[in-house]
């Protein structure tokens, strides 16, 4: 095995949501002017 100390770890987030929840979240993000990281 190799050491991966120098690599930056980024978590992967998976969400299972309904169709209506995604519309509400996208609308709130747009209203709040949130930027994609």
PDB file of N, CA and C in Angstrom:
ATOM      1  N   UNK A   1       0.835  -1.187   0.000  1.00  0.00           N
ATOM      2  CA  UNK A   1       0.000   0.000   0.000  1.00  0.00           C
ATOM      3  C   UNK A   1       0.875   1.244   0.000  1.00  0.00           C
ATOM      4  N   UNK A   2       0.375   2.278  -0.608  1.00  0.00           N
ATOM      5  CA  UNK A   2       1.130   3.522  -0.655  1.00  0.00           C
ATOM      6  C   UNK A   2       0.528   4.532   0.309  1.00  0.00           C
ATOM      7  N   UNK A   3       1.357   5.420   0.784  1.00  0.00           N
ATOM      8  CA  UNK A   3       0.880   6.484   1.665  1.00  0.00           C
ATOM      9  C   UNK A   3       0.219   7.574   0.834  1.00  0.00           C
ATOM     10  N   UNK A   4      -0.918   8.034   1.278  1.00  0.00           N
ATOM     11  CA  UNK A   4      -1.621   9.106   0.570  1.00  0.00           C
ATOM     12  C   UNK A   4      -1.728  10.341   1.455  1.00  0.00           C
ATOM     13  N   UNK A   5      -0.668  10.640   2.171  1.00  0.00           N
ATOM     14  CA  UNK A   5      -0.682  11.768   3.091  1.00  0.00           C
ATOM     15  C   UNK A   5      -0.776  13.085   2.336  1.00  0.00           C
ATOM     16  N   UNK A   6      -0.140  13.187   1.183  1.00  0.00           N
ATOM     17  CA  UNK A   6      -0.095  14.441   0.443  1.00  0.00           C
ATOM     18  C   UNK A   6      -1.370  14.728  -0.340  1.00  0.00           C
ATOM     19  N   UNK A   7      -2.225  13.740  -0.509  1.00  0.00           N
ATOM     20  CA  UNK A   7      -3.454  13.951  -1.260  1.00  0.00           C
ATOM     21  C   UNK A   7      -4.526  14.545  -0.355  1.00  0.00           C
ATOM     22  N   UNK A   8      -5.268  15.499  -0.901  1.00  0.00           N
ATOM     23  CA  UNK A   8      -6.350  16.113  -0.137  1.00  0.00           C
ATOM     24  C   UNK A   8      -7.594  15.231  -0.244  1.00  0.00           C
ATOM     25  N   UNK A   9      -8.144  14.855   0.893  1.00  0.00           N
ATOM     26  CA  UNK A   9      -9.327  14.002   0.914  1.00  0.00           C
ATOM     27  C   UNK A   9     -10.574  14.866   0.806  1.00  0.00           C
ATOM     28  N   UNK A  10     -11.444  14.521  -0.107  1.00  0.00           N
ATOM     29  CA  UNK A  10     -12.709  15.220  -0.253  1.00  0.00           C
ATOM     30  C   UNK A  10     -13.832  14.196  -0.148  1.00  0.00           C
ATOM     31  N   UNK A  11     -14.791  14.432   0.749  1.00  0.00           N
ATOM     32  CA  UNK A  11     -15.883  13.471   0.903  1.00  0.00           C
ATOM     33  C   UNK A  11     -16.838  13.521  -0.288  1.00  0.00           C
ATOM     34  N   UNK A  12     -17.465  12.400  -0.568  1.00  0.00           N
ATOM     35  CA  UNK A  12     -18.492  12.337  -1.603  1.00  0.00           C
ATOM     36  C   UNK A  12     -19.832  12.232  -0.889  1.00  0.00           C
ATOM     37  N   UNK A  13     -20.713  13.152  -1.192  1.00  0.00           N
ATOM     38  CA  UNK A  13     -22.011  13.193  -0.532  1.00  0.00           C
ATOM     39  C   UNK A  13     -23.071  12.753  -1.534  1.00  0.00           C
ATOM     40  N   UNK A  14     -23.841  11.751  -1.158  1.00  0.00           N
ATOM     41  CA  UNK A  14     -24.917  11.242  -1.999  1.00  0.00           C
ATOM     42  C   UNK A  14     -26.228  11.451  -1.251  1.00  0.00           C
ATOM     43  N   UNK A  15     -27.197  12.027  -1.916  1.00  0.00           N
ATOM     44  CA  UNK A  15     -28.494  12.271  -1.289  1.00  0.00           C
ATOM     45  C   UNK A  15     -29.595  11.664  -2.156  1.00  0.00           C
ATOM     46  N   UNK A  16     -30.504  10.991  -1.519  1.00  0.00           N
ATOM     47  CA  UNK A  16     -31.680  10.447  -2.194  1.00  0.00           C
ATOM     48  C   UNK A  16     -32.875  11.282  -1.743  1.00  0.00           C
ATOM     49  N   UNK A  17     -33.360  12.144  -2.634  1.00  0.00           N
ATOM     50  CA  UNK A  17     -34.434  13.062  -2.278  1.00  0.00           C
ATOM     51  C   UNK A  17     -35.549  12.978  -3.316  1.00  0.00           C
ATOM     52  N   UNK A  18     -36.698  13.485  -2.938  1.00  0.00           N
ATOM     53  CA  UNK A  18     -37.833  13.480  -3.865  1.00  0.00           C
ATOM     54  C   UNK A  18     -37.714  14.649  -4.844  1.00  0.00           C
ATOM     55  N   UNK A  19     -38.536  14.639  -5.849  1.00  0.00           N
ATOM     56  CA  UNK A  19     -38.513  15.668  -6.885  1.00  0.00           C
ATOM     57  C   UNK A  19     -38.815  17.049  -6.317  1.00  0.00           C
ATOM     58  N   UNK A  20     -39.741  17.134  -5.371  1.00  0.00           N
ATOM     59  CA  UNK A  20     -40.135  18.434  -4.821  1.00  0.00           C
ATOM     60  C   UNK A  20     -39.049  19.021  -3.933  1.00  0.00           C
ATOM     61  N   UNK A  21     -38.320  18.185  -3.210  1.00  0.00           N
ATOM     62  CA  UNK A  21     -37.249  18.674  -2.330  1.00  0.00           C
ATOM     63  C   UNK A  21     -36.127  19.318  -3.137  1.00  0.00           C
ATOM     64  N   UNK A  22     -35.811  18.746  -4.287  1.00  0.00           N
ATOM     65  CA  UNK A  22     -34.725  19.298  -5.096  1.00  0.00           C
ATOM     66  C   UNK A  22     -35.100  20.659  -5.671  1.00  0.00           C
ATOM     67  N   UNK A  23     -36.354  20.830  -6.069  1.00  0.00           N
ATOM     68  CA  UNK A  23     -36.788  22.134  -6.575  1.00  0.00           C
ATOM     69  C   UNK A  23     -36.716  23.190  -5.482  1.00  0.00           C
ATOM     70  N   UNK A  24     -37.154  22.851  -4.284  1.00  0.00           N
ATOM     71  CA  UNK A  24     -37.120  23.805  -3.171  1.00  0.00           C
ATOM     72  C   UNK A  24     -35.682  24.164  -2.809  1.00  0.00           C
ATOM     73  N   UNK A  25     -34.797  23.185  -2.800  1.00  0.00           N
ATOM     74  CA  UNK A  25     -33.388  23.442  -2.480  1.00  0.00           C
ATOM     75  C   UNK A  25     -32.711  24.291  -3.532  1.00  0.00           C
ATOM     76  N   UNK A  26     -32.981  24.017  -4.794  1.00  0.00           N
ATOM     77  CA  UNK A  26     -32.389  24.811  -5.872  1.00  0.00           C
ATOM     78  C   UNK A  26     -32.924  26.237  -5.849  1.00  0.00           C
ATOM     79  N   UNK A  27     -34.201  26.393  -5.561  1.00  0.00           N
ATOM     80  CA  UNK A  27     -34.792  27.721  -5.482  1.00  0.00           C
ATOM     81  C   UNK A  27     -34.183  28.513  -4.333  1.00  0.00           C
ATOM     82  N   UNK A  28     -34.012  27.878  -3.182  1.00  0.00           N
ATOM     83  CA  UNK A  28     -33.416  28.546  -2.027  1.00  0.00           C
ATOM     84  C   UNK A  28     -31.961  28.917  -2.298  1.00  0.00           C
ATOM     85  N   UNK A  29     -31.228  28.045  -2.963  1.00  0.00           N
ATOM     86  CA  UNK A  29     -29.830  28.345  -3.299  1.00  0.00           C
ATOM     87  C   UNK A  29     -29.754  29.522  -4.266  1.00  0.00           C
ATOM     88  N   UNK A  30     -30.679  29.603  -5.195  1.00  0.00           N
ATOM     89  CA  UNK A  30     -30.692  30.718  -6.135  1.00  0.00           C
ATOM     90  C   UNK A  30     -31.053  32.028  -5.468  1.00  0.00           C
ATOM     91  N   UNK A  31     -32.031  31.983  -4.578  1.00  0.00           N
ATOM     92  CA  UNK A  31     -32.433  33.189  -3.853  1.00  0.00           C
ATOM     93  C   UNK A  31     -31.300  33.675  -2.953  1.00  0.00           C
ATOM     94  N   UNK A  32     -30.591  32.747  -2.337  1.00  0.00           N
ATOM     95  CA  UNK A  32     -29.493  33.089  -1.426  1.00  0.00           C
ATOM     96  C   UNK A  32     -28.205  33.427  -2.167  1.00  0.00           C
ATOM     97  N   UNK A  33     -28.212  33.248  -3.493  1.00  0.00           N
ATOM     98  CA  UNK A  33     -27.035  33.491  -4.347  1.00  0.00           C
ATOM     99  C   UNK A  33     -25.828  32.668  -3.896  1.00  0.00           C
ATOM    100  N   UNK A  34     -26.071  31.408  -3.572  1.00  0.00           N
ATOM    101  CA  UNK A  34     -24.993  30.505  -3.175  1.00  0.00           C
ATOM    102  C   UNK A  34     -24.228  30.067  -4.413  1.00  0.00           C
ATOM    103  N   UNK A  35     -22.915  29.937  -4.274  1.00  0.00           N
ATOM    104  CA  UNK A  35     -22.077  29.504  -5.382  1.00  0.00           C
ATOM    105  C   UNK A  35     -21.688  28.053  -5.190  1.00  0.00           C
ATOM    106  N   UNK A  36     -21.539  27.362  -6.306  1.00  0.00           N
ATOM    107  CA  UNK A  36     -21.080  25.975  -6.272  1.00  0.00           C
ATOM    108  C   UNK A  36     -19.618  25.963  -5.843  1.00  0.00           C
ATOM    109  N   UNK A  37     -19.267  25.091  -4.878  1.00  0.00           N
ATOM    110  CA  UNK A  37     -17.877  25.126  -4.376  1.00  0.00           C
ATOM    111  C   UNK A  37     -16.848  24.769  -5.400  1.00  0.00           C
TER     112      UNK A  37
END
